[in-house]
Amino acid sequence: MDDTNIGWIAAIFIGGIAGWLAEKVTGSNIGILANIILGIIGAGIGSFIFAKLGIVIPGSAWLVYLVAGFVGAALLLLAVRIFYPSRLT
């Protein structure tokens, strides 16, 4: 997962989708810019977690980035919701 080989525009697009999906699953209410940032940061966190656990996601780089971004973004949203419950309403 370290060698995804996607460009910045694709990272922004996929990060936005991953952040939006995480927003919908966790029931948060944040904007599109926050979704993009959350998805991109979430992809880094998700990739790190998957690498440490030895989880390999088969598929194209886009799919791997989307899954890692979704997992990482959802974890970030849940952590914010635990520590700052009034921020995501």
C-alpha atoms as a PDB file:
ATOM      1  CA  MET A   1       0.000   0.000   0.000  1.00  0.00           C
ATOM      2  CA  ASP A   2       2.998   2.277   0.156  1.00  0.00           C
ATOM      3  CA  ASP A   3       3.218   2.483  -3.634  1.00  0.00           C
ATOM      4  CA  THR A   4      -0.244   3.672  -4.684  1.00  0.00           C
ATOM      5  CA  ASN A   5       1.035   5.833  -7.566  1.00  0.00           C
ATOM      6  CA  ILE A   6      -1.967   8.132  -7.795  1.00  0.00           C
ATOM      7  CA  GLY A   7      -1.634  11.852  -8.433  1.00  0.00           C
ATOM      8  CA  TRP A   8      -2.682  14.746  -6.258  1.00  0.00           C
ATOM      9  CA  ILE A   9      -5.897  15.373  -8.156  1.00  0.00           C
ATOM     10  CA  ALA A  10      -6.892  11.729  -7.790  1.00  0.00           C
ATOM     11  CA  ALA A  11      -5.937  11.840  -4.098  1.00  0.00           C
ATOM     12  CA  ILE A  12      -8.179  14.871  -3.594  1.00  0.00           C
ATOM     13  CA  PHE A  13     -11.059  13.257  -5.494  1.00  0.00           C
ATOM     14  CA  ILE A  14     -10.774   9.879  -3.760  1.00  0.00           C
ATOM     15  CA  GLY A  15     -10.139  11.555  -0.397  1.00  0.00           C
ATOM     16  CA  GLY A  16     -13.342  13.544  -0.815  1.00  0.00           C
ATOM     17  CA  ILE A  17     -15.317  10.391  -1.530  1.00  0.00           C
ATOM     18  CA  ALA A  18     -13.730   8.533   1.393  1.00  0.00           C
ATOM     19  CA  GLY A  19     -14.395  11.465   3.741  1.00  0.00           C
ATOM     20  CA  TRP A  20     -17.981  11.772   2.528  1.00  0.00           C
ATOM     21  CA  LEU A  21     -18.605   8.042   3.053  1.00  0.00           C
ATOM     22  CA  ALA A  22     -17.108   8.225   6.543  1.00  0.00           C
ATOM     23  CA  GLU A  23     -19.244  11.272   7.296  1.00  0.00           C
ATOM     24  CA  LYS A  24     -22.413   9.427   6.267  1.00  0.00           C
ATOM     25  CA  VAL A  25     -21.543   6.236   8.176  1.00  0.00           C
ATOM     26  CA  THR A  26     -20.645   8.053  11.399  1.00  0.00           C
ATOM     27  CA  GLY A  27     -23.582  10.464  11.173  1.00  0.00           C
ATOM     28  CA  SER A  28     -21.398  13.582  11.291  1.00  0.00           C
ATOM     29  CA  ASN A  29     -22.138  16.863   9.565  1.00  0.00           C
ATOM     30  CA  ILE A  30     -19.040  18.484   8.060  1.00  0.00           C
ATOM     31  CA  GLY A  31     -18.372  20.278   4.777  1.00  0.00           C
ATOM     32  CA  ILE A  32     -16.806  19.154   1.509  1.00  0.00           C
ATOM     33  CA  LEU A  33     -13.396  20.677   2.279  1.00  0.00           C
ATOM     34  CA  ALA A  34     -13.306  18.876   5.623  1.00  0.00           C
ATOM     35  CA  ASN A  35     -14.323  15.660   3.836  1.00  0.00           C
ATOM     36  CA  ILE A  36     -11.415  15.973   1.405  1.00  0.00           C
ATOM     37  CA  ILE A  37      -8.889  16.703   4.141  1.00  0.00           C
ATOM     38  CA  LEU A  38     -10.302  13.968   6.330  1.00  0.00           C
ATOM     39  CA  GLY A  39     -10.174  11.431   3.492  1.00  0.00           C
ATOM     40  CA  ILE A  40      -6.567  12.251   2.583  1.00  0.00           C
ATOM     41  CA  ILE A  41      -5.353  12.160   6.190  1.00  0.00           C
ATOM     42  CA  GLY A  42      -7.514   9.099   6.782  1.00  0.00           C
ATOM     43  CA  ALA A  43      -5.820   7.303   3.890  1.00  0.00           C
ATOM     44  CA  GLY A  44      -2.468   7.816   5.579  1.00  0.00           C
ATOM     45  CA  ILE A  45      -3.793   6.572   8.898  1.00  0.00           C
ATOM     46  CA  GLY A  46      -5.611   3.654   7.298  1.00  0.00           C
ATOM     47  CA  SER A  47      -2.524   2.666   5.297  1.00  0.00           C
ATOM     48  CA  PHE A  48      -0.405   2.775   8.442  1.00  0.00           C
ATOM     49  CA  ILE A  49      -2.878   0.641  10.390  1.00  0.00           C
ATOM     50  CA  PHE A  50      -3.237  -1.877   7.567  1.00  0.00           C
ATOM     51  CA  ALA A  51       0.554  -2.146   7.197  1.00  0.00           C
ATOM     52  CA  LYS A  52       1.040  -2.701  10.940  1.00  0.00           C
ATOM     53  CA  LEU A  53      -1.660  -5.380  11.000  1.00  0.00           C
ATOM     54  CA  GLY A  54      -0.349  -7.031   7.831  1.00  0.00           C
ATOM     55  CA  ILE A  55      -3.599  -6.483   5.953  1.00  0.00           C
ATOM     56  CA  VAL A  56      -3.258  -6.374   2.172  1.00  0.00           C
ATOM     57  CA  ILE A  57      -6.164  -5.065   0.118  1.00  0.00           C
ATOM     58  CA  PRO A  58      -6.219  -6.543  -3.376  1.00  0.00           C
ATOM     59  CA  GLY A  59      -7.243  -4.305  -6.220  1.00  0.00           C
ATOM     60  CA  SER A  60      -6.281  -1.158  -8.029  1.00  0.00           C
ATOM     61  CA  ALA A  61      -4.496   1.729  -6.350  1.00  0.00           C
ATOM     62  CA  TRP A  62      -7.711   3.766  -6.412  1.00  0.00           C
ATOM     63  CA  LEU A  63      -9.651   1.088  -4.531  1.00  0.00           C
ATOM     64  CA  VAL A  64      -6.898   0.610  -1.968  1.00  0.00           C
ATOM     65  CA  TYR A  65      -6.690   4.370  -1.380  1.00  0.00           C
ATOM     66  CA  LEU A  66     -10.484   4.606  -1.061  1.00  0.00           C
ATOM     67  CA  VAL A  67     -10.731   1.769   1.469  1.00  0.00           C
ATOM     68  CA  ALA A  68      -7.787   3.046   3.518  1.00  0.00           C
ATOM     69  CA  GLY A  69      -9.165   6.595   3.361  1.00  0.00           C
ATOM     70  CA  PHE A  70     -12.614   5.486   4.470  1.00  0.00           C
ATOM     71  CA  VAL A  71     -11.317   3.429   7.394  1.00  0.00           C
ATOM     72  CA  GLY A  72      -8.912   6.141   8.544  1.00  0.00           C
ATOM     73  CA  ALA A  73     -11.470   8.936   8.143  1.00  0.00           C
ATOM     74  CA  ALA A  74     -14.125   6.973  10.032  1.00  0.00           C
ATOM     75  CA  LEU A  75     -11.659   6.331  12.861  1.00  0.00           C
ATOM     76  CA  LEU A  76     -10.781  10.032  12.976  1.00  0.00           C
ATOM     77  CA  LEU A  77     -14.439  11.049  13.060  1.00  0.00           C
ATOM     78  CA  LEU A  78     -15.191   8.566  15.811  1.00  0.00           C
ATOM     79  CA  ALA A  79     -12.201   9.782  17.842  1.00  0.00           C
ATOM     80  CA  VAL A  80     -13.344  13.404  17.489  1.00  0.00           C
ATOM     81  CA  ARG A  81     -16.849  12.367  18.439  1.00  0.00           C
ATOM     82  CA  ILE A  82     -15.545  10.655  21.591  1.00  0.00           C
ATOM     83  CA  PHE A  83     -13.306  13.505  22.741  1.00  0.00           C
ATOM     84  CA  TYR A  84     -15.332  16.499  21.430  1.00  0.00           C
ATOM     85  CA  PRO A  85     -18.952  15.344  21.096  1.00  0.00           C
ATOM     86  CA  SER A  86     -20.396  18.792  20.290  1.00  0.00           C
ATOM     87  CA  ARG A  87     -18.044  19.534  17.352  1.00  0.00           C
ATOM     88  CA  LEU A  88     -19.596  17.227  14.743  1.00  0.00           C
ATOM     89  CA  THR A  89     -23.286  17.931  15.164  1.00  0.00           C
END
